[in-house]
Amino acid sequence: MDEKRIKQAEDNFKNYLKDGKIINVDKQNPLIYETYLKNARESLSVANLLFKNVSSSLWVVVSSYYSMFYIACAYLYKLGYKTRHEIVHQVINEALIVQGRHKIKNHLLKAYEIGKDEALSVSDNYLTKYGFEKVKRSTFQYETTENIKKSKAQTSLERAKEFLTLIENILEE
């Protein structure tokens, strides 16, 4: 992830806080957190089921993305942030870059005993893939042919599995 993109995310995050699109939550409600976790796991389960049954490539992509989205919401909520309903997917994407980049890097350093630069590169790769899936979900839902959907569904599912596992591990620390 280049410095320009990181700076853009930081600026956007500050503006989202100022505009109330994302807010600090002083007192967290365990039900909200557990609902995010449940929705993340359920979305991944649905994506797996759809993929195995060759039911709908579109909904594999959509469900895979939503698994990533909900686990990102859980992560941010645990840090004390909650979005409002305006441009929520973009807000989560930017907030995740700002609030998750170094936490993911530190988790990778500890869990896999890899170098700092490598861990930061892997962290950026996860966040970039999240961004790709956000765009892919939107494009696939409205603009893509069935043949293209089939060829991309498995990638979405694998990314969602990896991302969910990573963030769940971080949340358990």
C-alpha atoms as a PDB file:
ATOM      1  CA  MET A   1       0.000   0.000   0.000  1.00  0.00           C
ATOM      2  CA  ASP A   2       1.569   3.266  -1.031  1.00  0.00           C
ATOM      3  CA  GLU A   3       1.981   6.283   1.230  1.00  0.00           C
ATOM      4  CA  LYS A   4      -0.471   8.330  -0.835  1.00  0.00           C
ATOM      5  CA  ARG A   5      -3.239   5.768  -0.185  1.00  0.00           C
ATOM      6  CA  ILE A   6      -2.432   5.617   3.520  1.00  0.00           C
ATOM      7  CA  LYS A   7      -2.496   9.422   3.784  1.00  0.00           C
ATOM      8  CA  GLN A   8      -5.809   9.508   1.919  1.00  0.00           C
ATOM      9  CA  ALA A   9      -7.294   6.974   4.363  1.00  0.00           C
ATOM     10  CA  GLU A  10      -6.015   8.961   7.347  1.00  0.00           C
ATOM     11  CA  ASP A  11      -7.510  12.200   6.010  1.00  0.00           C
ATOM     12  CA  ASN A  12     -10.811  10.509   5.205  1.00  0.00           C
ATOM     13  CA  PHE A  13     -10.955   8.877   8.644  1.00  0.00           C
ATOM     14  CA  LYS A  14     -10.425  12.241  10.355  1.00  0.00           C
ATOM     15  CA  ASN A  15     -13.174  13.769   8.215  1.00  0.00           C
ATOM     16  CA  TYR A  16     -15.536  10.855   8.900  1.00  0.00           C
ATOM     17  CA  LEU A  17     -15.009  11.349  12.634  1.00  0.00           C
ATOM     18  CA  LYS A  18     -15.574  15.091  12.321  1.00  0.00           C
ATOM     19  CA  ASP A  19     -18.711  14.561  10.198  1.00  0.00           C
ATOM     20  CA  GLY A  20     -20.099  11.853  12.504  1.00  0.00           C
ATOM     21  CA  LYS A  21     -19.967   9.103   9.872  1.00  0.00           C
ATOM     22  CA  ILE A  22     -17.976   7.102  12.399  1.00  0.00           C
ATOM     23  CA  ILE A  23     -18.205   7.765  16.114  1.00  0.00           C
ATOM     24  CA  ASN A  24     -16.319   6.881  19.255  1.00  0.00           C
ATOM     25  CA  VAL A  25     -18.256   4.484  21.451  1.00  0.00           C
ATOM     26  CA  ASP A  26     -17.393   4.855  25.111  1.00  0.00           C
ATOM     27  CA  LYS A  27     -19.658   2.113  26.400  1.00  0.00           C
ATOM     28  CA  GLN A  28     -19.765  -0.938  24.173  1.00  0.00           C
ATOM     29  CA  ASN A  29     -22.764  -3.193  23.929  1.00  0.00           C
ATOM     30  CA  PRO A  30     -21.674  -6.867  23.878  1.00  0.00           C
ATOM     31  CA  LEU A  31     -24.736  -7.715  21.772  1.00  0.00           C
ATOM     32  CA  ILE A  32     -23.549  -5.441  18.945  1.00  0.00           C
ATOM     33  CA  TYR A  33     -20.073  -6.974  19.007  1.00  0.00           C
ATOM     34  CA  GLU A  34     -21.413 -10.539  19.091  1.00  0.00           C
ATOM     35  CA  THR A  35     -23.840  -9.733  16.263  1.00  0.00           C
ATOM     36  CA  TYR A  36     -20.974  -8.533  14.077  1.00  0.00           C
ATOM     37  CA  LEU A  37     -19.063 -11.747  14.805  1.00  0.00           C
ATOM     38  CA  LYS A  38     -22.131 -13.903  14.160  1.00  0.00           C
ATOM     39  CA  ASN A  39     -22.874 -12.105  10.895  1.00  0.00           C
ATOM     40  CA  ALA A  40     -19.255 -12.499   9.746  1.00  0.00           C
ATOM     41  CA  ARG A  41     -19.236 -16.229  10.424  1.00  0.00           C
ATOM     42  CA  GLU A  42     -22.706 -16.749   8.970  1.00  0.00           C
ATOM     43  CA  SER A  43     -21.822 -14.846   5.800  1.00  0.00           C
ATOM     44  CA  LEU A  44     -18.727 -17.007   5.332  1.00  0.00           C
ATOM     45  CA  SER A  45     -20.752 -20.152   5.967  1.00  0.00           C
ATOM     46  CA  VAL A  46     -23.327 -19.097   3.378  1.00  0.00           C
ATOM     47  CA  ALA A  47     -20.570 -18.302   0.871  1.00  0.00           C
ATOM     48  CA  ASN A  48     -19.048 -21.751   1.449  1.00  0.00           C
ATOM     49  CA  LEU A  49     -22.390 -23.461   1.004  1.00  0.00           C
ATOM     50  CA  LEU A  50     -23.200 -21.537  -2.179  1.00  0.00           C
ATOM     51  CA  PHE A  51     -19.759 -22.275  -3.598  1.00  0.00           C
ATOM     52  CA  LYS A  52     -19.951 -26.004  -2.829  1.00  0.00           C
ATOM     53  CA  ASN A  53     -23.440 -26.259  -4.322  1.00  0.00           C
ATOM     54  CA  VAL A  54     -22.513 -24.131  -7.343  1.00  0.00           C
ATOM     55  CA  SER A  55     -25.642 -22.148  -6.557  1.00  0.00           C
ATOM     56  CA  SER A  56     -24.648 -18.569  -7.308  1.00  0.00           C
ATOM     57  CA  SER A  57     -21.249 -17.084  -8.015  1.00  0.00           C
ATOM     58  CA  LEU A  58     -22.661 -13.633  -7.436  1.00  0.00           C
ATOM     59  CA  TRP A  59     -23.767 -14.492  -3.912  1.00  0.00           C
ATOM     60  CA  VAL A  60     -20.491 -16.270  -3.132  1.00  0.00           C
ATOM     61  CA  VAL A  61     -18.741 -12.981  -3.876  1.00  0.00           C
ATOM     62  CA  VAL A  62     -21.315 -10.894  -1.986  1.00  0.00           C
ATOM     63  CA  SER A  63     -21.413 -13.203   1.050  1.00  0.00           C
ATOM     64  CA  SER A  64     -17.617 -13.476   1.118  1.00  0.00           C
ATOM     65  CA  TYR A  65     -17.283  -9.704   1.106  1.00  0.00           C
ATOM     66  CA  TYR A  66     -19.881  -9.328   3.839  1.00  0.00           C
ATOM     67  CA  SER A  67     -17.965 -11.797   5.990  1.00  0.00           C
ATOM     68  CA  MET A  68     -14.951  -9.497   5.686  1.00  0.00           C
ATOM     69  CA  PHE A  69     -17.069  -6.402   6.229  1.00  0.00           C
ATOM     70  CA  TYR A  70     -18.710  -7.694   9.422  1.00  0.00           C
ATOM     71  CA  ILE A  71     -15.454  -8.897  10.968  1.00  0.00           C
ATOM     72  CA  ALA A  72     -13.962  -5.484  10.179  1.00  0.00           C
ATOM     73  CA  CYS A  73     -16.961  -3.885  11.924  1.00  0.00           C
ATOM     74  CA  ALA A  74     -16.370  -6.133  14.947  1.00  0.00           C
ATOM     75  CA  TYR A  75     -12.705  -5.207  15.035  1.00  0.00           C
ATOM     76  CA  LEU A  76     -13.400  -1.480  14.827  1.00  0.00           C
ATOM     77  CA  TYR A  77     -16.190  -1.752  17.402  1.00  0.00           C
ATOM     78  CA  LYS A  78     -13.832  -3.459  19.819  1.00  0.00           C
ATOM     79  CA  LEU A  79     -11.469  -0.516  19.317  1.00  0.00           C
ATOM     80  CA  GLY A  80     -14.325   1.819  20.218  1.00  0.00           C
ATOM     81  CA  TYR A  81     -15.640   2.893  16.798  1.00  0.00           C
ATOM     82  CA  LYS A  82     -19.053   2.463  15.247  1.00  0.00           C
ATOM     83  CA  THR A  83     -20.249   3.701  11.890  1.00  0.00           C
ATOM     84  CA  ARG A  84     -23.388   5.542  11.075  1.00  0.00           C
ATOM     85  CA  HIS A  85     -25.350   4.395   8.043  1.00  0.00           C
ATOM     86  CA  GLU A  86     -23.992   6.850   5.491  1.00  0.00           C
ATOM     87  CA  ILE A  87     -21.390   5.431   3.044  1.00  0.00           C
ATOM     88  CA  VAL A  88     -20.712   2.725   5.614  1.00  0.00           C
ATOM     89  CA  HIS A  89     -18.642   0.466   3.348  1.00  0.00           C
ATOM     90  CA  GLN A  90     -16.236   3.261   2.453  1.00  0.00           C
ATOM     91  CA  VAL A  91     -16.015   4.407   6.064  1.00  0.00           C
ATOM     92  CA  ILE A  92     -15.163   0.887   7.241  1.00  0.00           C
ATOM     93  CA  ASN A  93     -12.537   0.507   4.508  1.00  0.00           C
ATOM     94  CA  GLU A  94     -10.768   3.744   5.461  1.00  0.00           C
ATOM     95  CA  ALA A  95     -11.073   3.126   9.202  1.00  0.00           C
ATOM     96  CA  LEU A  96      -9.652  -0.365   8.789  1.00  0.00           C
ATOM     97  CA  ILE A  97      -6.576   0.984   7.010  1.00  0.00           C
ATOM     98  CA  VAL A  98      -6.000   3.619   9.692  1.00  0.00           C
ATOM     99  CA  GLN A  99      -6.870   1.510  12.738  1.00  0.00           C
ATOM    100  CA  GLY A 100      -5.845  -1.950  11.560  1.00  0.00           C
ATOM    101  CA  ARG A 101      -2.660  -1.641   9.545  1.00  0.00           C
ATOM    102  CA  HIS A 102      -0.163  -1.679  12.406  1.00  0.00           C
ATOM    103  CA  LYS A 103      -2.210  -4.020  14.598  1.00  0.00           C
ATOM    104  CA  ILE A 104      -2.236  -6.595  11.787  1.00  0.00           C
ATOM    105  CA  LYS A 105       1.502  -6.066  11.258  1.00  0.00           C
ATOM    106  CA  ASN A 106       2.205  -6.566  14.974  1.00  0.00           C
ATOM    107  CA  HIS A 107       0.054  -9.690  15.071  1.00  0.00           C
ATOM    108  CA  LEU A 108       1.951 -11.144  12.109  1.00  0.00           C
ATOM    109  CA  LEU A 109       5.303 -10.289  13.692  1.00  0.00           C
ATOM    110  CA  LYS A 110       4.341 -12.096  16.878  1.00  0.00           C
ATOM    111  CA  ALA A 111       2.498 -15.045  15.342  1.00  0.00           C
ATOM    112  CA  TYR A 112       4.854 -15.859  12.502  1.00  0.00           C
ATOM    113  CA  GLU A 113       8.177 -14.425  13.661  1.00  0.00           C
ATOM    114  CA  ILE A 114       8.745 -12.642  10.377  1.00  0.00           C
ATOM    115  CA  GLY A 115      10.599  -9.393   9.761  1.00  0.00           C
ATOM    116  CA  LYS A 116       9.012  -5.994  10.314  1.00  0.00           C
ATOM    117  CA  ASP A 117       9.044  -5.005   6.626  1.00  0.00           C
ATOM    118  CA  GLU A 118       7.603  -8.348   5.568  1.00  0.00           C
ATOM    119  CA  ALA A 119       4.872  -8.120   8.217  1.00  0.00           C
ATOM    120  CA  LEU A 120       3.930  -4.620   7.084  1.00  0.00           C
ATOM    121  CA  SER A 121       3.827  -5.793   3.474  1.00  0.00           C
ATOM    122  CA  VAL A 122       1.562  -8.729   4.382  1.00  0.00           C
ATOM    123  CA  SER A 123      -0.632  -6.423   6.475  1.00  0.00           C
ATOM    124  CA  ASP A 124      -0.990  -4.025   3.552  1.00  0.00           C
ATOM    125  CA  ASN A 125      -1.781  -6.966   1.286  1.00  0.00           C
ATOM    126  CA  TYR A 126      -4.692  -8.023   3.528  1.00  0.00           C
ATOM    127  CA  LEU A 127      -6.061  -4.493   3.569  1.00  0.00           C
ATOM    128  CA  THR A 128      -5.649  -4.138  -0.188  1.00  0.00           C
ATOM    129  CA  LYS A 129      -7.510  -7.408  -0.725  1.00  0.00           C
ATOM    130  CA  TYR A 130     -10.304  -6.130   1.515  1.00  0.00           C
ATOM    131  CA  GLY A 131     -10.528  -3.049  -0.694  1.00  0.00           C
ATOM    132  CA  PHE A 132     -10.558  -5.212  -3.836  1.00  0.00           C
ATOM    133  CA  GLU A 133     -13.418  -7.295  -2.458  1.00  0.00           C
ATOM    134  CA  LYS A 134     -15.394  -4.155  -1.562  1.00  0.00           C
ATOM    135  CA  VAL A 135     -15.117  -2.959  -5.167  1.00  0.00           C
ATOM    136  CA  LYS A 136     -15.686  -6.441  -6.592  1.00  0.00           C
ATOM    137  CA  ARG A 137     -18.890  -6.912  -4.591  1.00  0.00           C
ATOM    138  CA  SER A 138     -20.311  -3.686  -5.934  1.00  0.00           C
ATOM    139  CA  THR A 139     -19.224  -4.350  -9.518  1.00  0.00           C
ATOM    140  CA  PHE A 140     -20.380  -7.956  -9.505  1.00  0.00           C
ATOM    141  CA  GLN A 141     -23.736  -7.127  -8.029  1.00  0.00           C
ATOM    142  CA  TYR A 142     -24.576  -4.701 -10.764  1.00  0.00           C
ATOM    143  CA  GLU A 143     -22.282  -4.961 -13.781  1.00  0.00           C
ATOM    144  CA  THR A 144     -20.667  -8.370 -14.338  1.00  0.00           C
ATOM    145  CA  THR A 145     -21.511 -11.348 -16.524  1.00  0.00           C
ATOM    146  CA  GLU A 146     -22.050 -14.823 -15.071  1.00  0.00           C
ATOM    147  CA  ASN A 147     -18.864 -16.253 -16.631  1.00  0.00           C
ATOM    148  CA  ILE A 148     -16.703 -13.639 -14.945  1.00  0.00           C
ATOM    149  CA  LYS A 149     -18.515 -14.155 -11.637  1.00  0.00           C
ATOM    150  CA  LYS A 150     -17.752 -17.877 -11.659  1.00  0.00           C
ATOM    151  CA  SER A 151     -14.048 -17.313 -12.254  1.00  0.00           C
ATOM    152  CA  LYS A 152     -13.763 -14.851  -9.343  1.00  0.00           C
ATOM    153  CA  ALA A 153     -16.006 -16.438  -6.703  1.00  0.00           C
ATOM    154  CA  GLN A 154     -13.374 -18.816  -5.369  1.00  0.00           C
ATOM    155  CA  THR A 155     -10.853 -15.993  -4.934  1.00  0.00           C
ATOM    156  CA  SER A 156     -13.404 -14.032  -2.926  1.00  0.00           C
ATOM    157  CA  LEU A 157     -14.174 -17.019  -0.730  1.00  0.00           C
ATOM    158  CA  GLU A 158     -10.496 -17.720  -0.010  1.00  0.00           C
ATOM    159  CA  ARG A 159      -9.799 -14.085   0.783  1.00  0.00           C
ATOM    160  CA  ALA A 160     -12.753 -13.978   3.157  1.00  0.00           C
ATOM    161  CA  LYS A 161     -11.595 -17.128   4.964  1.00  0.00           C
ATOM    162  CA  GLU A 162      -8.089 -15.748   5.407  1.00  0.00           C
ATOM    163  CA  PHE A 163      -9.295 -12.316   6.502  1.00  0.00           C
ATOM    164  CA  LEU A 164     -11.841 -13.667   8.962  1.00  0.00           C
ATOM    165  CA  THR A 165      -9.257 -15.966  10.531  1.00  0.00           C
ATOM    166  CA  LEU A 166      -6.710 -13.169  10.784  1.00  0.00           C
ATOM    167  CA  ILE A 167      -9.047 -10.666  12.423  1.00  0.00           C
ATOM    168  CA  GLU A 168     -10.555 -13.285  14.756  1.00  0.00           C
ATOM    169  CA  ASN A 169      -7.019 -14.129  15.912  1.00  0.00           C
ATOM    170  CA  ILE A 170      -6.309 -10.458  16.537  1.00  0.00           C
ATOM    171  CA  LEU A 171      -9.574 -10.064  18.438  1.00  0.00           C
ATOM    172  CA  GLU A 172      -8.633 -12.994  20.692  1.00  0.00           C
ATOM    173  CA  GLU A 173      -5.325 -11.392  21.726  1.00  0.00           C
END
